[in-house]
């Protein structure tokens, strides 16, 4: 398996599941979400990433993925400045938003697509607390300005649906796809995603 992504979180999720893989990031430019549906954007980006790498490695299985956030009817990208992140997180505070991942598994002419959506509740934090948080964890370069932690996350209060989807790769859906093609060993785990869970304080 080739992972067409430089994401540390995706590498860690596959590694934790015992999936053997190598990393060959795609260099394709991602489609932006303005004026498009969330589903269409993440699936298109995942497909373009996987196909671009698959062309370089004929006969190999390639996994591409793309994760984006939708809040208040708009797709939210990566904040370019700390001030932009602050404005976004103040606006999102106390409200749920959607986070979606599109996944594409490619080998030759065979292509399999997955689309998974989770919901995330952001804590209500005042600007001074947000600035202290940014001093420890830079929000720039991450969709929605955050990368959720497994416990005691200072920004995220609750996750509904697949937690691994919020991390960047919905393993409950991806692992069966890989197992069916001999790319991962069956481990007798549950494929049901965790439901609305509060993160431990």
C-alpha atoms as a PDB file:
ATOM      1  CA  UNK A   1       0.000   0.000   0.000  1.00  0.00           C
ATOM      2  CA  UNK A   2       1.148   3.521  -0.822  1.00  0.00           C
ATOM      3  CA  UNK A   3      -0.202   6.413   1.231  1.00  0.00           C
ATOM      4  CA  UNK A   4      -0.487   9.477  -0.998  1.00  0.00           C
ATOM      5  CA  UNK A   5      -0.349  11.866   1.940  1.00  0.00           C
ATOM      6  CA  UNK A   6       2.246  13.540   4.113  1.00  0.00           C
ATOM      7  CA  UNK A   7      -0.185  13.648   7.073  1.00  0.00           C
ATOM      8  CA  UNK A   8       1.425  12.488  10.310  1.00  0.00           C
ATOM      9  CA  UNK A   9      -1.983  11.597  11.759  1.00  0.00           C
ATOM     10  CA  UNK A  10      -2.859   9.326   8.816  1.00  0.00           C
ATOM     11  CA  UNK A  11       0.486   7.572   9.096  1.00  0.00           C
ATOM     12  CA  UNK A  12      -0.051   6.997  12.817  1.00  0.00           C
ATOM     13  CA  UNK A  13      -3.560   5.616  12.298  1.00  0.00           C
ATOM     14  CA  UNK A  14      -2.421   3.105   9.669  1.00  0.00           C
ATOM     15  CA  UNK A  15       0.602   2.134  11.736  1.00  0.00           C
ATOM     16  CA  UNK A  16      -1.521   1.591  14.854  1.00  0.00           C
ATOM     17  CA  UNK A  17      -3.793  -0.711  12.835  1.00  0.00           C
ATOM     18  CA  UNK A  18      -0.793  -2.785  11.734  1.00  0.00           C
ATOM     19  CA  UNK A  19      -1.140  -1.858   8.057  1.00  0.00           C
ATOM     20  CA  UNK A  20       2.160  -2.043   6.114  1.00  0.00           C
ATOM     21  CA  UNK A  21       2.596   0.961   3.843  1.00  0.00           C
ATOM     22  CA  UNK A  22       5.030   3.443   2.352  1.00  0.00           C
ATOM     23  CA  UNK A  23       4.509   7.196   2.028  1.00  0.00           C
ATOM     24  CA  UNK A  24       4.593   8.930  -1.360  1.00  0.00           C
ATOM     25  CA  UNK A  25       2.831  12.303  -0.992  1.00  0.00           C
ATOM     26  CA  UNK A  26       0.936  13.694  -3.941  1.00  0.00           C
ATOM     27  CA  UNK A  27       1.962  17.061  -5.328  1.00  0.00           C
ATOM     28  CA  UNK A  28      -1.416  17.890  -6.902  1.00  0.00           C
ATOM     29  CA  UNK A  29      -3.011  21.193  -5.995  1.00  0.00           C
ATOM     30  CA  UNK A  30      -6.159  20.746  -3.933  1.00  0.00           C
ATOM     31  CA  UNK A  31      -9.494  22.055  -5.180  1.00  0.00           C
ATOM     32  CA  UNK A  32     -10.867  24.783  -2.931  1.00  0.00           C
ATOM     33  CA  UNK A  33     -14.356  24.534  -1.502  1.00  0.00           C
ATOM     34  CA  UNK A  34     -15.779  27.915  -2.458  1.00  0.00           C
ATOM     35  CA  UNK A  35     -19.159  27.447  -4.154  1.00  0.00           C
ATOM     36  CA  UNK A  36     -18.911  23.637  -4.048  1.00  0.00           C
ATOM     37  CA  UNK A  37     -20.488  20.880  -1.960  1.00  0.00           C
ATOM     38  CA  UNK A  38     -18.366  19.435   0.840  1.00  0.00           C
ATOM     39  CA  UNK A  39     -18.786  15.863  -0.437  1.00  0.00           C
ATOM     40  CA  UNK A  40     -17.736  16.777  -3.981  1.00  0.00           C
ATOM     41  CA  UNK A  41     -14.629  18.650  -2.844  1.00  0.00           C
ATOM     42  CA  UNK A  42     -13.158  16.016  -0.521  1.00  0.00           C
ATOM     43  CA  UNK A  43     -13.888  13.127  -2.894  1.00  0.00           C
ATOM     44  CA  UNK A  44     -12.430  15.002  -5.855  1.00  0.00           C
ATOM     45  CA  UNK A  45      -9.270  15.895  -3.947  1.00  0.00           C
ATOM     46  CA  UNK A  46      -8.834  12.354  -2.624  1.00  0.00           C
ATOM     47  CA  UNK A  47      -9.277  10.899  -6.122  1.00  0.00           C
ATOM     48  CA  UNK A  48      -6.856  13.358  -7.734  1.00  0.00           C
ATOM     49  CA  UNK A  49      -4.193  12.666  -5.099  1.00  0.00           C
ATOM     50  CA  UNK A  50      -4.487   8.892  -5.379  1.00  0.00           C
ATOM     51  CA  UNK A  51      -4.516   8.819  -9.177  1.00  0.00           C
ATOM     52  CA  UNK A  52      -1.517  11.144  -9.466  1.00  0.00           C
ATOM     53  CA  UNK A  53       0.601   8.817  -7.310  1.00  0.00           C
ATOM     54  CA  UNK A  54      -0.826   5.624  -8.887  1.00  0.00           C
ATOM     55  CA  UNK A  55       0.422   6.780 -12.291  1.00  0.00           C
ATOM     56  CA  UNK A  56       3.953   6.759 -10.897  1.00  0.00           C
ATOM     57  CA  UNK A  57       3.574   3.259  -9.429  1.00  0.00           C
ATOM     58  CA  UNK A  58       1.591   1.010 -11.807  1.00  0.00           C
ATOM     59  CA  UNK A  59       0.185  -2.116 -10.184  1.00  0.00           C
ATOM     60  CA  UNK A  60       0.395  -0.735  -6.644  1.00  0.00           C
ATOM     61  CA  UNK A  61      -2.529   0.104  -4.398  1.00  0.00           C
ATOM     62  CA  UNK A  62      -2.602   3.806  -3.538  1.00  0.00           C
ATOM     63  CA  UNK A  63      -4.644   5.450  -0.796  1.00  0.00           C
ATOM     64  CA  UNK A  64      -5.553   9.137  -1.103  1.00  0.00           C
ATOM     65  CA  UNK A  65      -7.565  11.200   1.375  1.00  0.00           C
ATOM     66  CA  UNK A  66      -8.768  14.737   1.954  1.00  0.00           C
ATOM     67  CA  UNK A  67     -10.400  16.214   5.072  1.00  0.00           C
ATOM     68  CA  UNK A  68     -12.315  19.494   5.254  1.00  0.00           C
ATOM     69  CA  UNK A  69     -14.638  21.294   7.666  1.00  0.00           C
ATOM     70  CA  UNK A  70     -18.035  22.858   7.014  1.00  0.00           C
ATOM     71  CA  UNK A  71     -19.390  25.467   9.416  1.00  0.00           C
ATOM     72  CA  UNK A  72     -22.387  27.792   9.077  1.00  0.00           C
ATOM     73  CA  UNK A  73     -22.979  26.642   5.507  1.00  0.00           C
ATOM     74  CA  UNK A  74     -19.452  27.296   4.264  1.00  0.00           C
ATOM     75  CA  UNK A  75     -16.341  25.177   3.821  1.00  0.00           C
ATOM     76  CA  UNK A  76     -13.620  26.307   6.194  1.00  0.00           C
ATOM     77  CA  UNK A  77     -10.024  25.992   5.098  1.00  0.00           C
ATOM     78  CA  UNK A  78      -6.763  26.623   6.914  1.00  0.00           C
ATOM     79  CA  UNK A  79      -6.512  29.994   8.687  1.00  0.00           C
ATOM     80  CA  UNK A  80      -3.572  31.942   7.317  1.00  0.00           C
ATOM     81  CA  UNK A  81      -3.026  34.089  10.406  1.00  0.00           C
ATOM     82  CA  UNK A  82      -3.472  33.740  14.166  1.00  0.00           C
ATOM     83  CA  UNK A  83      -6.037  36.552  14.066  1.00  0.00           C
ATOM     84  CA  UNK A  84      -8.071  34.670  11.456  1.00  0.00           C
ATOM     85  CA  UNK A  85      -7.951  31.521  13.628  1.00  0.00           C
ATOM     86  CA  UNK A  86      -9.069  33.532  16.653  1.00  0.00           C
ATOM     87  CA  UNK A  87     -12.055  35.007  14.801  1.00  0.00           C
ATOM     88  CA  UNK A  88     -13.029  31.558  13.523  1.00  0.00           C
ATOM     89  CA  UNK A  89     -12.808  29.828  16.897  1.00  0.00           C
ATOM     90  CA  UNK A  90     -14.737  32.583  18.680  1.00  0.00           C
ATOM     91  CA  UNK A  91     -17.475  32.232  16.054  1.00  0.00           C
ATOM     92  CA  UNK A  92     -17.470  28.415  16.291  1.00  0.00           C
ATOM     93  CA  UNK A  93     -17.491  28.359  20.089  1.00  0.00           C
ATOM     94  CA  UNK A  94     -20.442  26.445  21.542  1.00  0.00           C
ATOM     95  CA  UNK A  95     -21.598  25.285  18.102  1.00  0.00           C
ATOM     96  CA  UNK A  96     -21.379  22.049  16.164  1.00  0.00           C
ATOM     97  CA  UNK A  97     -19.734  21.783  12.759  1.00  0.00           C
ATOM     98  CA  UNK A  98     -19.217  18.995  10.243  1.00  0.00           C
ATOM     99  CA  UNK A  99     -15.868  17.469   9.338  1.00  0.00           C
ATOM    100  CA  UNK A 100     -15.720  15.218   6.289  1.00  0.00           C
ATOM    101  CA  UNK A 101     -13.089  12.955   4.778  1.00  0.00           C
ATOM    102  CA  UNK A 102     -13.065  11.659   1.232  1.00  0.00           C
ATOM    103  CA  UNK A 103     -11.008   8.514   0.633  1.00  0.00           C
ATOM    104  CA  UNK A 104      -9.926   6.969  -2.664  1.00  0.00           C
ATOM    105  CA  UNK A 105      -8.218   3.571  -3.025  1.00  0.00           C
ATOM    106  CA  UNK A 106      -6.779   3.022  -6.500  1.00  0.00           C
ATOM    107  CA  UNK A 107      -4.977   0.261  -8.363  1.00  0.00           C
ATOM    108  CA  UNK A 108      -4.986   0.356 -12.153  1.00  0.00           C
ATOM    109  CA  UNK A 109      -8.567   0.846 -13.287  1.00  0.00           C
ATOM    110  CA  UNK A 110     -10.077  -0.189  -9.956  1.00  0.00           C
ATOM    111  CA  UNK A 111     -11.162   2.717  -7.764  1.00  0.00           C
ATOM    112  CA  UNK A 112     -13.053   2.649  -4.486  1.00  0.00           C
ATOM    113  CA  UNK A 113     -14.400   5.813  -2.864  1.00  0.00           C
ATOM    114  CA  UNK A 114     -15.497   6.472   0.710  1.00  0.00           C
ATOM    115  CA  UNK A 115     -17.116   9.518   2.261  1.00  0.00           C
ATOM    116  CA  UNK A 116     -17.451   9.855   6.048  1.00  0.00           C
ATOM    117  CA  UNK A 117     -18.850  12.764   8.071  1.00  0.00           C
ATOM    118  CA  UNK A 118     -18.501  13.447  11.809  1.00  0.00           C
ATOM    119  CA  UNK A 119     -19.761  16.322  13.936  1.00  0.00           C
ATOM    120  CA  UNK A 120     -17.570  18.321  16.302  1.00  0.00           C
ATOM    121  CA  UNK A 121     -18.472  20.722  19.111  1.00  0.00           C
ATOM    122  CA  UNK A 122     -16.003  23.540  19.825  1.00  0.00           C
ATOM    123  CA  UNK A 123     -15.603  24.878  23.367  1.00  0.00           C
ATOM    124  CA  UNK A 124     -16.548  28.470  24.190  1.00  0.00           C
ATOM    125  CA  UNK A 125     -13.203  30.189  24.788  1.00  0.00           C
ATOM    126  CA  UNK A 126     -12.473  33.896  25.064  1.00  0.00           C
ATOM    127  CA  UNK A 127      -9.767  35.471  22.872  1.00  0.00           C
ATOM    128  CA  UNK A 128      -7.175  35.542  25.681  1.00  0.00           C
ATOM    129  CA  UNK A 129      -7.517  31.793  26.271  1.00  0.00           C
ATOM    130  CA  UNK A 130      -7.346  31.140  22.542  1.00  0.00           C
ATOM    131  CA  UNK A 131      -4.118  33.141  22.269  1.00  0.00           C
ATOM    132  CA  UNK A 132      -2.572  31.107  25.100  1.00  0.00           C
ATOM    133  CA  UNK A 133      -3.619  27.944  23.265  1.00  0.00           C
ATOM    134  CA  UNK A 134      -2.042  29.168  20.011  1.00  0.00           C
ATOM    135  CA  UNK A 135       1.242  29.767  21.829  1.00  0.00           C
ATOM    136  CA  UNK A 136       1.327  26.015  22.492  1.00  0.00           C
ATOM    137  CA  UNK A 137      -0.258  24.773  19.256  1.00  0.00           C
ATOM    138  CA  UNK A 138      -0.123  26.772  16.042  1.00  0.00           C
ATOM    139  CA  UNK A 139      -3.550  26.669  14.324  1.00  0.00           C
ATOM    140  CA  UNK A 140      -2.232  27.719  10.922  1.00  0.00           C
ATOM    141  CA  UNK A 141      -1.898  25.027   8.301  1.00  0.00           C
ATOM    142  CA  UNK A 142      -4.751  22.879   9.697  1.00  0.00           C
ATOM    143  CA  UNK A 143      -8.309  22.682   8.371  1.00  0.00           C
ATOM    144  CA  UNK A 144     -10.486  24.623  10.778  1.00  0.00           C
ATOM    145  CA  UNK A 145      -7.393  25.669  12.685  1.00  0.00           C
ATOM    146  CA  UNK A 146      -7.197  22.569  14.869  1.00  0.00           C
ATOM    147  CA  UNK A 147      -5.961  19.002  15.147  1.00  0.00           C
ATOM    148  CA  UNK A 148      -7.992  17.223  17.808  1.00  0.00           C
ATOM    149  CA  UNK A 149      -6.234  15.375  20.632  1.00  0.00           C
ATOM    150  CA  UNK A 150      -7.514  12.050  21.944  1.00  0.00           C
ATOM    151  CA  UNK A 151      -8.040  13.322  25.486  1.00  0.00           C
ATOM    152  CA  UNK A 152      -8.272  16.653  27.294  1.00  0.00           C
ATOM    153  CA  UNK A 153      -8.387  18.618  24.072  1.00  0.00           C
ATOM    154  CA  UNK A 154      -8.328  22.308  25.001  1.00  0.00           C
ATOM    155  CA  UNK A 155     -10.459  23.408  22.028  1.00  0.00           C
ATOM    156  CA  UNK A 156     -12.750  20.494  21.140  1.00  0.00           C
ATOM    157  CA  UNK A 157     -15.460  19.521  23.631  1.00  0.00           C
ATOM    158  CA  UNK A 158     -17.274  16.674  21.926  1.00  0.00           C
ATOM    159  CA  UNK A 159     -17.146  14.441  18.835  1.00  0.00           C
ATOM    160  CA  UNK A 160     -20.150  12.666  17.309  1.00  0.00           C
ATOM    161  CA  UNK A 161     -19.440   9.873  14.844  1.00  0.00           C
ATOM    162  CA  UNK A 162     -16.081   8.500  13.795  1.00  0.00           C
ATOM    163  CA  UNK A 163     -13.297   9.927  15.932  1.00  0.00           C
ATOM    164  CA  UNK A 164     -10.604   8.680  13.531  1.00  0.00           C
ATOM    165  CA  UNK A 165     -12.363  10.627  10.787  1.00  0.00           C
ATOM    166  CA  UNK A 166     -11.726  13.803  12.791  1.00  0.00           C
ATOM    167  CA  UNK A 167      -8.074  12.779  13.026  1.00  0.00           C
ATOM    168  CA  UNK A 168      -7.924  12.526   9.224  1.00  0.00           C
ATOM    169  CA  UNK A 169      -8.726   8.937   8.187  1.00  0.00           C
ATOM    170  CA  UNK A 170     -11.982   7.078   9.077  1.00  0.00           C
ATOM    171  CA  UNK A 171     -10.435   3.728  10.004  1.00  0.00           C
ATOM    172  CA  UNK A 172     -13.807   2.050  10.690  1.00  0.00           C
ATOM    173  CA  UNK A 173     -14.513   2.381   6.960  1.00  0.00           C
ATOM    174  CA  UNK A 174     -10.966   2.209   5.576  1.00  0.00           C
ATOM    175  CA  UNK A 175      -9.812  -1.001   7.292  1.00  0.00           C
ATOM    176  CA  UNK A 176     -12.520  -3.272   5.787  1.00  0.00           C
ATOM    177  CA  UNK A 177     -11.638  -1.852   2.364  1.00  0.00           C
ATOM    178  CA  UNK A 178      -7.958  -2.699   2.879  1.00  0.00           C
ATOM    179  CA  UNK A 179      -8.697  -6.120   4.405  1.00  0.00           C
ATOM    180  CA  UNK A 180     -10.836  -7.124   1.415  1.00  0.00           C
ATOM    181  CA  UNK A 181      -7.812  -6.589  -0.836  1.00  0.00           C
ATOM    182  CA  UNK A 182      -5.267  -8.279   1.399  1.00  0.00           C
ATOM    183  CA  UNK A 183      -3.641  -4.974   2.387  1.00  0.00           C
ATOM    184  CA  UNK A 184      -4.423  -5.377   6.095  1.00  0.00           C
ATOM    185  CA  UNK A 185      -4.946  -8.323   8.430  1.00  0.00           C
ATOM    186  CA  UNK A 186      -8.346  -8.844  10.021  1.00  0.00           C
ATOM    187  CA  UNK A 187      -8.078  -8.184  13.733  1.00  0.00           C
ATOM    188  CA  UNK A 188     -11.595  -9.003  14.943  1.00  0.00           C
ATOM    189  CA  UNK A 189     -12.353  -5.369  15.845  1.00  0.00           C
ATOM    190  CA  UNK A 190     -15.677  -3.613  15.776  1.00  0.00           C
ATOM    191  CA  UNK A 191     -16.278  -1.471  12.702  1.00  0.00           C
ATOM    192  CA  UNK A 192     -18.858   0.699  14.456  1.00  0.00           C
ATOM    193  CA  UNK A 193     -17.785   4.316  14.922  1.00  0.00           C
ATOM    194  CA  UNK A 194     -17.783   5.820  18.401  1.00  0.00           C
ATOM    195  CA  UNK A 195     -20.783   8.067  18.952  1.00  0.00           C
ATOM    196  CA  UNK A 196     -21.015  11.472  20.610  1.00  0.00           C
ATOM    197  CA  UNK A 197     -18.181  11.336  23.083  1.00  0.00           C
ATOM    198  CA  UNK A 198     -17.006  14.067  25.426  1.00  0.00           C
ATOM    199  CA  UNK A 199     -13.252  14.441  25.500  1.00  0.00           C
ATOM    200  CA  UNK A 200     -11.883  13.996  29.018  1.00  0.00           C
ATOM    201  CA  UNK A 201     -11.043  17.235  30.756  1.00  0.00           C
END
